[in-house]
Amino acid sequence: MASHNDLGKYGEQLAVDFLLNKGYALLATNYVYQKAEIDIIALFEGTLAVVEVKTRSSLDFGNPQDFLKPKQIQRIIKAVNEFVLSNDLDVEVRFDIIAIVKKGSKYDIEHLENAFYHF
């Protein structure tokens, strides 16, 4: 596996641990529907948090959260709609990004709640 894939998987695990430490209940990771993959789906205080994790080894090319494109957002929205319907959930949905940047041997984690909207 390429090292950038390893970094991405490690970033997703850091994000899961971060959310669990904040009291989120994990419902799914790497949920796939058609061409979309949702990194993390979690429940927090009655709200379904749909979390996209962006991990980078540096800020040389910009902030991690800037790499979420409109087409990817459309796919995520379609996938979470299927998740909500297939699990018969009646919850508010929030779209978050967890941006992770590797700095030496440490990682900076930024949780952006309501990072984008579904309309």
N, C-alpha and C. Protein backbone atom coordinates (compact mmCIF):
# COMPACT_ATOMS: atom_id res chain seq x y z
N MET A 1 0.85 -1.17 0.00
CA MET A 1 0.00 0.00 0.00
C MET A 1 0.90 1.24 0.00
N ALA A 2 0.52 2.23 -0.77
CA ALA A 2 1.30 3.46 -0.86
C ALA A 2 1.29 4.19 0.48
N SER A 3 2.36 4.92 0.74
CA SER A 3 2.48 5.60 2.04
C SER A 3 1.37 6.62 2.27
N HIS A 4 0.87 7.27 1.19
CA HIS A 4 -0.22 8.23 1.38
C HIS A 4 -1.50 7.51 1.81
N ASN A 5 -1.68 6.26 1.34
CA ASN A 5 -2.84 5.48 1.79
C ASN A 5 -2.70 5.12 3.27
N ASP A 6 -1.47 4.77 3.68
CA ASP A 6 -1.22 4.48 5.09
C ASP A 6 -1.52 5.69 5.95
N LEU A 7 -1.09 6.87 5.49
CA LEU A 7 -1.34 8.11 6.22
C LEU A 7 -2.84 8.37 6.33
N GLY A 8 -3.56 8.15 5.25
CA GLY A 8 -5.01 8.35 5.27
C GLY A 8 -5.72 7.42 6.23
N LYS A 9 -5.34 6.16 6.23
CA LYS A 9 -5.95 5.19 7.15
C LYS A 9 -5.61 5.53 8.60
N TYR A 10 -4.38 5.95 8.84
CA TYR A 10 -3.99 6.34 10.19
C TYR A 10 -4.77 7.58 10.63
N GLY A 11 -4.95 8.52 9.71
CA GLY A 11 -5.74 9.71 10.02
C GLY A 11 -7.17 9.37 10.37
N GLU A 12 -7.76 8.43 9.66
CA GLU A 12 -9.13 8.00 9.96
C GLU A 12 -9.22 7.39 11.35
N GLN A 13 -8.22 6.61 11.73
CA GLN A 13 -8.21 6.02 13.08
C GLN A 13 -8.04 7.11 14.14
N LEU A 14 -7.19 8.10 13.87
CA LEU A 14 -7.05 9.22 14.80
C LEU A 14 -8.38 9.96 14.96
N ALA A 15 -9.09 10.13 13.86
CA ALA A 15 -10.38 10.82 13.90
C ALA A 15 -11.41 10.02 14.70
N VAL A 16 -11.45 8.72 14.51
CA VAL A 16 -12.36 7.86 15.28
C VAL A 16 -12.06 7.99 16.76
N ASP A 17 -10.79 7.87 17.12
CA ASP A 17 -10.40 8.00 18.53
C ASP A 17 -10.77 9.37 19.10
N PHE A 18 -10.55 10.40 18.31
CA PHE A 18 -10.88 11.77 18.71
C PHE A 18 -12.37 11.89 19.02
N LEU A 19 -13.21 11.39 18.12
CA LEU A 19 -14.66 11.48 18.31
C LEU A 19 -15.14 10.64 19.50
N LEU A 20 -14.60 9.44 19.64
CA LEU A 20 -14.97 8.61 20.78
C LEU A 20 -14.62 9.29 22.10
N ASN A 21 -13.47 9.94 22.14
CA ASN A 21 -13.06 10.68 23.36
C ASN A 21 -13.97 11.87 23.65
N LYS A 22 -14.63 12.39 22.61
CA LYS A 22 -15.56 13.51 22.78
C LYS A 22 -16.98 13.05 23.10
N GLY A 23 -17.20 11.73 23.16
CA GLY A 23 -18.52 11.21 23.52
C GLY A 23 -19.41 10.83 22.36
N TYR A 24 -18.88 10.79 21.15
CA TYR A 24 -19.65 10.37 19.99
C TYR A 24 -19.84 8.86 20.02
N ALA A 25 -20.99 8.40 19.54
CA ALA A 25 -21.26 6.97 19.40
C ALA A 25 -21.04 6.61 17.92
N LEU A 26 -20.11 5.76 17.67
CA LEU A 26 -19.76 5.37 16.31
C LEU A 26 -20.82 4.43 15.73
N LEU A 27 -21.37 4.77 14.56
CA LEU A 27 -22.36 3.91 13.91
C LEU A 27 -21.77 3.16 12.72
N ALA A 28 -20.84 3.81 12.00
CA ALA A 28 -20.24 3.16 10.84
C ALA A 28 -18.95 3.87 10.46
N THR A 29 -18.03 3.09 9.90
CA THR A 29 -16.83 3.67 9.28
C THR A 29 -16.72 3.11 7.88
N ASN A 30 -16.22 3.93 7.00
CA ASN A 30 -16.04 3.55 5.60
C ASN A 30 -17.32 2.98 4.99
N TYR A 31 -18.43 3.67 5.24
CA TYR A 31 -19.73 3.27 4.70
C TYR A 31 -19.74 3.57 3.20
N VAL A 32 -20.05 2.56 2.41
CA VAL A 32 -20.03 2.70 0.95
C VAL A 32 -21.44 2.57 0.40
N TYR A 33 -21.78 3.51 -0.47
CA TYR A 33 -23.04 3.44 -1.21
C TYR A 33 -22.75 3.95 -2.62
N GLN A 34 -22.98 3.11 -3.60
CA GLN A 34 -22.66 3.40 -5.00
C GLN A 34 -21.21 3.88 -5.10
N LYS A 35 -20.98 5.10 -5.56
CA LYS A 35 -19.60 5.59 -5.74
C LYS A 35 -19.10 6.40 -4.55
N ALA A 36 -19.88 6.46 -3.51
CA ALA A 36 -19.52 7.30 -2.36
C ALA A 36 -19.01 6.46 -1.20
N GLU A 37 -18.10 7.04 -0.46
CA GLU A 37 -17.67 6.44 0.80
C GLU A 37 -17.70 7.53 1.87
N ILE A 38 -18.37 7.21 2.96
CA ILE A 38 -18.39 8.12 4.11
C ILE A 38 -17.40 7.57 5.12
N ASP A 39 -16.45 8.41 5.52
CA ASP A 39 -15.40 7.94 6.43
C ASP A 39 -15.96 7.53 7.78
N ILE A 40 -16.77 8.40 8.38
CA ILE A 40 -17.31 8.13 9.72
C ILE A 40 -18.75 8.61 9.81
N ILE A 41 -19.60 7.77 10.38
CA ILE A 41 -20.96 8.18 10.72
C ILE A 41 -21.11 7.92 12.22
N ALA A 42 -21.45 8.99 12.95
CA ALA A 42 -21.53 8.88 14.40
C ALA A 42 -22.73 9.67 14.91
N LEU A 43 -23.16 9.31 16.10
CA LEU A 43 -24.29 9.99 16.74
C LEU A 43 -23.77 10.78 17.93
N PHE A 44 -24.20 12.05 18.01
CA PHE A 44 -23.79 12.90 19.12
C PHE A 44 -24.96 13.80 19.51
N GLU A 45 -25.43 13.61 20.72
CA GLU A 45 -26.52 14.42 21.28
C GLU A 45 -27.71 14.51 20.32
N GLY A 46 -28.11 13.37 19.78
CA GLY A 46 -29.28 13.30 18.91
C GLY A 46 -29.06 13.75 17.48
N THR A 47 -27.83 14.07 17.13
CA THR A 47 -27.51 14.51 15.77
C THR A 47 -26.59 13.49 15.11
N LEU A 48 -26.90 13.18 13.87
CA LEU A 48 -26.06 12.28 13.10
C LEU A 48 -24.92 13.11 12.49
N ALA A 49 -23.70 12.81 12.90
CA ALA A 49 -22.53 13.51 12.37
C ALA A 49 -21.93 12.66 11.26
N VAL A 50 -21.93 13.23 10.07
CA VAL A 50 -21.34 12.59 8.90
C VAL A 50 -19.98 13.25 8.73
N VAL A 51 -18.91 12.47 8.90
CA VAL A 51 -17.58 13.06 9.01
C VAL A 51 -16.68 12.60 7.86
N GLU A 52 -16.15 13.57 7.15
CA GLU A 52 -15.14 13.32 6.14
C GLU A 52 -13.79 13.64 6.77
N VAL A 53 -12.85 12.73 6.66
CA VAL A 53 -11.52 12.91 7.25
C VAL A 53 -10.54 13.24 6.13
N LYS A 54 -9.81 14.32 6.31
CA LYS A 54 -8.79 14.73 5.35
C LYS A 54 -7.46 14.81 6.09
N THR A 55 -6.50 14.00 5.67
CA THR A 55 -5.20 13.94 6.33
C THR A 55 -4.12 14.33 5.33
N ARG A 56 -3.22 15.19 5.75
CA ARG A 56 -2.12 15.62 4.89
C ARG A 56 -0.82 15.58 5.67
N SER A 57 0.27 15.40 4.94
CA SER A 57 1.59 15.35 5.56
C SER A 57 2.19 16.74 5.73
N SER A 58 1.60 17.73 5.05
CA SER A 58 2.05 19.11 5.20
C SER A 58 0.96 20.04 4.68
N LEU A 59 1.18 21.33 4.89
CA LEU A 59 0.24 22.34 4.39
C LEU A 59 0.74 22.98 3.10
N ASP A 60 1.75 22.37 2.47
CA ASP A 60 2.36 22.95 1.27
C ASP A 60 1.37 23.24 0.15
N PHE A 61 0.34 22.41 0.04
CA PHE A 61 -0.62 22.59 -1.04
C PHE A 61 -1.97 23.12 -0.56
N GLY A 62 -2.06 23.51 0.70
CA GLY A 62 -3.29 24.05 1.24
C GLY A 62 -3.80 23.25 2.42
N ASN A 63 -4.87 23.74 3.02
CA ASN A 63 -5.49 23.08 4.17
C ASN A 63 -6.19 21.80 3.72
N PRO A 64 -6.17 20.78 4.56
CA PRO A 64 -6.81 19.50 4.18
C PRO A 64 -8.28 19.66 3.79
N GLN A 65 -9.00 20.49 4.51
CA GLN A 65 -10.43 20.64 4.26
C GLN A 65 -10.73 21.27 2.90
N ASP A 66 -9.73 21.89 2.29
CA ASP A 66 -9.94 22.50 0.97
C ASP A 66 -9.97 21.48 -0.16
N PHE A 67 -9.73 20.21 0.15
CA PHE A 67 -9.67 19.18 -0.86
C PHE A 67 -10.98 18.39 -1.00
N LEU A 68 -12.04 18.88 -0.40
CA LEU A 68 -13.35 18.26 -0.55
C LEU A 68 -14.06 18.97 -1.69
N LYS A 69 -14.31 18.26 -2.76
CA LYS A 69 -14.86 18.84 -3.98
C LYS A 69 -16.38 18.71 -4.02
N PRO A 70 -17.06 19.59 -4.77
CA PRO A 70 -18.53 19.56 -4.85
C PRO A 70 -19.10 18.21 -5.27
N LYS A 71 -18.47 17.52 -6.20
CA LYS A 71 -18.98 16.21 -6.64
C LYS A 71 -18.91 15.20 -5.49
N GLN A 72 -17.85 15.26 -4.71
CA GLN A 72 -17.71 14.36 -3.56
C GLN A 72 -18.80 14.68 -2.53
N ILE A 73 -19.08 15.95 -2.32
CA ILE A 73 -20.13 16.34 -1.39
C ILE A 73 -21.48 15.78 -1.85
N GLN A 74 -21.76 15.87 -3.16
CA GLN A 74 -23.01 15.32 -3.68
C GLN A 74 -23.12 13.82 -3.41
N ARG A 75 -22.02 13.11 -3.62
CA ARG A 75 -22.03 11.67 -3.37
C ARG A 75 -22.24 11.35 -1.90
N ILE A 76 -21.59 12.11 -1.03
CA ILE A 76 -21.74 11.90 0.42
C ILE A 76 -23.19 12.11 0.83
N ILE A 77 -23.81 13.14 0.31
CA ILE A 77 -25.21 13.43 0.65
C ILE A 77 -26.13 12.29 0.19
N LYS A 78 -25.90 11.79 -0.99
CA LYS A 78 -26.70 10.67 -1.50
C LYS A 78 -26.51 9.43 -0.62
N ALA A 79 -25.27 9.18 -0.22
CA ALA A 79 -24.97 8.00 0.61
C ALA A 79 -25.58 8.13 1.99
N VAL A 80 -25.50 9.30 2.60
CA VAL A 80 -26.06 9.44 3.96
C VAL A 80 -27.57 9.36 3.91
N ASN A 81 -28.17 9.83 2.84
CA ASN A 81 -29.61 9.70 2.70
C ASN A 81 -30.00 8.22 2.69
N GLU A 82 -29.25 7.41 1.97
CA GLU A 82 -29.51 5.96 1.95
C GLU A 82 -29.28 5.36 3.33
N PHE A 83 -28.24 5.80 4.03
CA PHE A 83 -27.96 5.28 5.37
C PHE A 83 -29.11 5.58 6.33
N VAL A 84 -29.60 6.81 6.29
CA VAL A 84 -30.70 7.22 7.16
C VAL A 84 -31.97 6.42 6.84
N LEU A 85 -32.28 6.29 5.56
CA LEU A 85 -33.49 5.56 5.17
C LEU A 85 -33.37 4.07 5.50
N SER A 86 -32.25 3.46 5.19
CA SER A 86 -32.12 2.02 5.41
C SER A 86 -32.04 1.65 6.89
N ASN A 87 -31.66 2.61 7.73
CA ASN A 87 -31.61 2.36 9.17
C ASN A 87 -32.80 2.96 9.91
N ASP A 88 -33.77 3.50 9.14
CA ASP A 88 -34.99 4.08 9.69
C ASP A 88 -34.69 5.06 10.82
N LEU A 89 -33.77 6.00 10.54
CA LEU A 89 -33.38 6.99 11.54
C LEU A 89 -34.21 8.26 11.41
N ASP A 90 -34.51 8.85 12.54
CA ASP A 90 -35.21 10.14 12.57
C ASP A 90 -34.33 11.10 13.36
N VAL A 91 -33.33 11.65 12.68
CA VAL A 91 -32.34 12.50 13.34
C VAL A 91 -31.99 13.70 12.46
N GLU A 92 -31.47 14.72 13.10
CA GLU A 92 -30.86 15.83 12.36
C GLU A 92 -29.53 15.33 11.83
N VAL A 93 -29.13 15.83 10.68
CA VAL A 93 -27.86 15.41 10.07
C VAL A 93 -26.95 16.62 9.95
N ARG A 94 -25.70 16.40 10.33
CA ARG A 94 -24.69 17.46 10.28
C ARG A 94 -23.49 16.92 9.51
N PHE A 95 -22.89 17.74 8.67
CA PHE A 95 -21.74 17.33 7.87
C PHE A 95 -20.48 18.01 8.42
N ASP A 96 -19.55 17.19 8.87
CA ASP A 96 -18.32 17.68 9.48
C ASP A 96 -17.10 17.26 8.66
N ILE A 97 -16.02 17.96 8.89
CA ILE A 97 -14.71 17.56 8.36
C ILE A 97 -13.75 17.52 9.54
N ILE A 98 -12.97 16.48 9.60
CA ILE A 98 -11.85 16.45 10.53
C ILE A 98 -10.60 16.56 9.68
N ALA A 99 -9.87 17.67 9.88
CA ALA A 99 -8.65 17.96 9.12
C ALA A 99 -7.46 17.60 10.00
N ILE A 100 -6.58 16.77 9.47
CA ILE A 100 -5.42 16.30 10.23
C ILE A 100 -4.16 16.63 9.43
N VAL A 101 -3.19 17.24 10.12
CA VAL A 101 -1.92 17.56 9.48
C VAL A 101 -0.80 16.96 10.32
N LYS A 102 0.05 16.20 9.66
CA LYS A 102 1.21 15.60 10.32
C LYS A 102 2.29 16.65 10.45
N LYS A 103 2.77 16.83 11.67
CA LYS A 103 3.86 17.79 11.94
C LYS A 103 4.94 17.04 12.70
N GLY A 104 5.94 16.57 11.97
CA GLY A 104 6.97 15.76 12.60
C GLY A 104 6.38 14.44 13.03
N SER A 105 6.48 14.16 14.32
CA SER A 105 5.91 12.91 14.84
C SER A 105 4.54 13.14 15.48
N LYS A 106 4.02 14.36 15.39
CA LYS A 106 2.73 14.69 15.98
C LYS A 106 1.71 15.01 14.89
N TYR A 107 0.45 15.02 15.30
CA TYR A 107 -0.64 15.30 14.37
C TYR A 107 -1.53 16.39 14.96
N ASP A 108 -1.80 17.42 14.17
CA ASP A 108 -2.76 18.45 14.56
C ASP A 108 -4.13 18.03 14.03
N ILE A 109 -5.12 18.05 14.92
CA ILE A 109 -6.48 17.66 14.54
C ILE A 109 -7.41 18.84 14.72
N GLU A 110 -8.15 19.16 13.67
CA GLU A 110 -9.14 20.24 13.72
C GLU A 110 -10.49 19.66 13.30
N HIS A 111 -11.49 19.83 14.18
CA HIS A 111 -12.83 19.32 13.91
C HIS A 111 -13.70 20.50 13.47
N LEU A 112 -14.12 20.47 12.23
CA LEU A 112 -14.96 21.53 11.67
C LEU A 112 -16.39 21.03 11.61
N GLU A 113 -17.21 21.45 12.56
CA GLU A 113 -18.61 21.05 12.59
C GLU A 113 -19.39 21.89 11.58
N ASN A 114 -20.42 21.29 10.99
CA ASN A 114 -21.21 21.97 9.97
C ASN A 114 -20.32 22.56 8.88
N ALA A 115 -19.39 21.76 8.41
CA ALA A 115 -18.41 22.22 7.43
C ALA A 115 -19.03 22.52 6.06
N PHE A 116 -20.11 21.83 5.75
CA PHE A 116 -20.83 22.11 4.51
C PHE A 116 -22.28 21.73 4.70
N TYR A 117 -23.11 22.25 3.83
CA TYR A 117 -24.55 22.03 3.93
C TYR A 117 -25.03 21.22 2.72
N HIS A 118 -26.16 20.58 2.87
CA HIS A 118 -26.66 19.67 1.85
C HIS A 118 -27.50 20.33 0.79
N PHE A 119 -27.57 21.64 0.77
CA PHE A 119 -28.36 22.30 -0.28
C PHE A 119 -27.51 23.28 -1.04
